[in-house]
C-alpha atoms as a PDB file:
ATOM      1  CA  MET A   1       9.984  -8.044 -14.461  1.00  0.00           C
ATOM      2  CA  SER A   2       6.827  -6.751 -12.805  1.00  0.00           C
ATOM      3  CA  THR A   3       6.843  -4.790  -9.574  1.00  0.00           C
ATOM      4  CA  MET A   4       3.195  -5.650  -8.860  1.00  0.00           C
ATOM      5  CA  GLN A   5       2.663  -7.250  -5.480  1.00  0.00           C
ATOM      6  CA  PRO A   6      -0.225  -9.433  -4.396  1.00  0.00           C
ATOM      7  CA  LYS A   7      -2.839  -7.451  -2.475  1.00  0.00           C
ATOM      8  CA  GLY A   8      -2.160  -9.342   0.729  1.00  0.00           C
ATOM      9  CA  GLU A   9       1.523  -8.488   0.530  1.00  0.00           C
ATOM     10  CA  LYS A  10       0.836  -4.748   0.224  1.00  0.00           C
ATOM     11  CA  LEU A  11      -1.519  -4.913   3.178  1.00  0.00           C
ATOM     12  CA  LYS A  12       1.071  -6.775   5.293  1.00  0.00           C
ATOM     13  CA  LYS A  13       3.691  -4.161   4.471  1.00  0.00           C
ATOM     14  CA  ALA A  14       1.259  -1.352   5.333  1.00  0.00           C
ATOM     15  CA  ILE A  15       0.444  -2.959   8.701  1.00  0.00           C
ATOM     16  CA  LYS A  16       4.144  -3.377   9.482  1.00  0.00           C
ATOM     17  CA  TRP A  17       4.870   0.236   8.453  1.00  0.00           C
ATOM     18  CA  ILE A  18       2.023   1.543  10.646  1.00  0.00           C
ATOM     19  CA  SER A  19       3.241  -0.552  13.561  1.00  0.00           C
ATOM     20  CA  GLU A  20       6.732   0.951  13.239  1.00  0.00           C
ATOM     21  CA  LYS A  21       5.362   4.498  13.024  1.00  0.00           C
ATOM     22  CA  ARG A  22       3.205   3.955  16.119  1.00  0.00           C
ATOM     23  CA  LYS A  23       6.237   2.743  18.081  1.00  0.00           C
ATOM     24  CA  GLU A  24       8.095   5.921  17.097  1.00  0.00           C
ATOM     25  CA  ASN A  25       5.107   8.130  17.962  1.00  0.00           C
ATOM     26  CA  PRO A  26       2.471   6.408  20.182  1.00  0.00           C
ATOM     27  CA  GLY A  27       0.108   9.400  20.063  1.00  0.00           C
ATOM     28  CA  ILE A  28       0.035   9.601  16.261  1.00  0.00           C
ATOM     29  CA  ASN A  29      -3.307  10.126  14.505  1.00  0.00           C
ATOM     30  CA  LEU A  30      -4.456   6.730  13.247  1.00  0.00           C
ATOM     31  CA  SER A  31      -6.678   8.012  10.449  1.00  0.00           C
ATOM     32  CA  GLY A  32      -3.871  10.122   9.012  1.00  0.00           C
ATOM     33  CA  LEU A  33      -1.461   7.233   9.357  1.00  0.00           C
ATOM     34  CA  VAL A  34      -3.814   4.908   7.479  1.00  0.00           C
ATOM     35  CA  ASP A  35      -4.242   7.535   4.750  1.00  0.00           C
ATOM     36  CA  ASP A  36      -0.461   7.802   4.421  1.00  0.00           C
ATOM     37  CA  ALA A  37      -0.065   4.015   4.335  1.00  0.00           C
ATOM     38  CA  SER A  38      -2.851   3.635   1.767  1.00  0.00           C
ATOM     39  CA  PHE A  39      -1.104   6.095  -0.539  1.00  0.00           C
ATOM     40  CA  ARG A  40       2.392   4.749   0.122  1.00  0.00           C
ATOM     41  CA  PHE A  41       1.433   1.116  -0.506  1.00  0.00           C
ATOM     42  CA  ASP A  42      -1.169   1.801  -3.229  1.00  0.00           C
ATOM     43  CA  LEU A  43      -4.009   0.124  -1.348  1.00  0.00           C
ATOM     44  CA  SER A  44      -7.519  -0.154  -2.715  1.00  0.00           C
ATOM     45  CA  PRO A  45     -10.311   1.689  -0.867  1.00  0.00           C
ATOM     46  CA  LYS A  46     -11.491  -1.668   0.479  1.00  0.00           C
ATOM     47  CA  ASP A  47      -8.019  -2.480   1.813  1.00  0.00           C
ATOM     48  CA  SER A  48      -7.775   1.002   3.317  1.00  0.00           C
ATOM     49  CA  GLU A  49     -11.059   0.490   5.184  1.00  0.00           C
ATOM     50  CA  PHE A  50      -9.823  -2.871   6.447  1.00  0.00           C
ATOM     51  CA  LEU A  51      -6.554  -1.310   7.564  1.00  0.00           C
ATOM     52  CA  LEU A  52      -8.331   1.450   9.493  1.00  0.00           C
ATOM     53  CA  ARG A  53     -10.597  -1.065  11.256  1.00  0.00           C
ATOM     54  CA  PHE A  54      -7.589  -3.274  11.989  1.00  0.00           C
ATOM     55  CA  VAL A  55      -5.480  -0.552  13.615  1.00  0.00           C
ATOM     56  CA  LYS A  56      -8.413   0.853  15.603  1.00  0.00           C
ATOM     57  CA  ASN A  57      -9.301  -2.636  16.852  1.00  0.00           C
ATOM     58  CA  ASP A  58      -5.645  -3.259  17.718  1.00  0.00           C
ATOM     59  CA  ASP A  59      -5.579   0.064  19.577  1.00  0.00           C
ATOM     60  CA  HIS A  60      -8.503  -1.025  21.784  1.00  0.00           C
ATOM     61  CA  GLN A  61      -6.892  -4.375  22.559  1.00  0.00           C
ATOM     62  CA  ASN A  62      -3.510  -2.864  23.431  1.00  0.00           C
ATOM     63  CA  PRO A  63      -4.066   0.392  25.300  1.00  0.00           C
ATOM     64  CA  ALA A  64      -0.956   2.429  25.963  1.00  0.00           C
END
């Protein structure tokens, strides 16, 4: 049985994980968080770039 996940699934899990971490610590550094998520969920560089843009865009739409 393979533990490989579709790319989209890893990205969804990374987004959910980041969302949870930001709730725990609203002032957390987004770049560091994305780096951690990229490593944790084995994201490609392209997915990591997407993730960083996504969380920064989300941050602008939902100011604290």
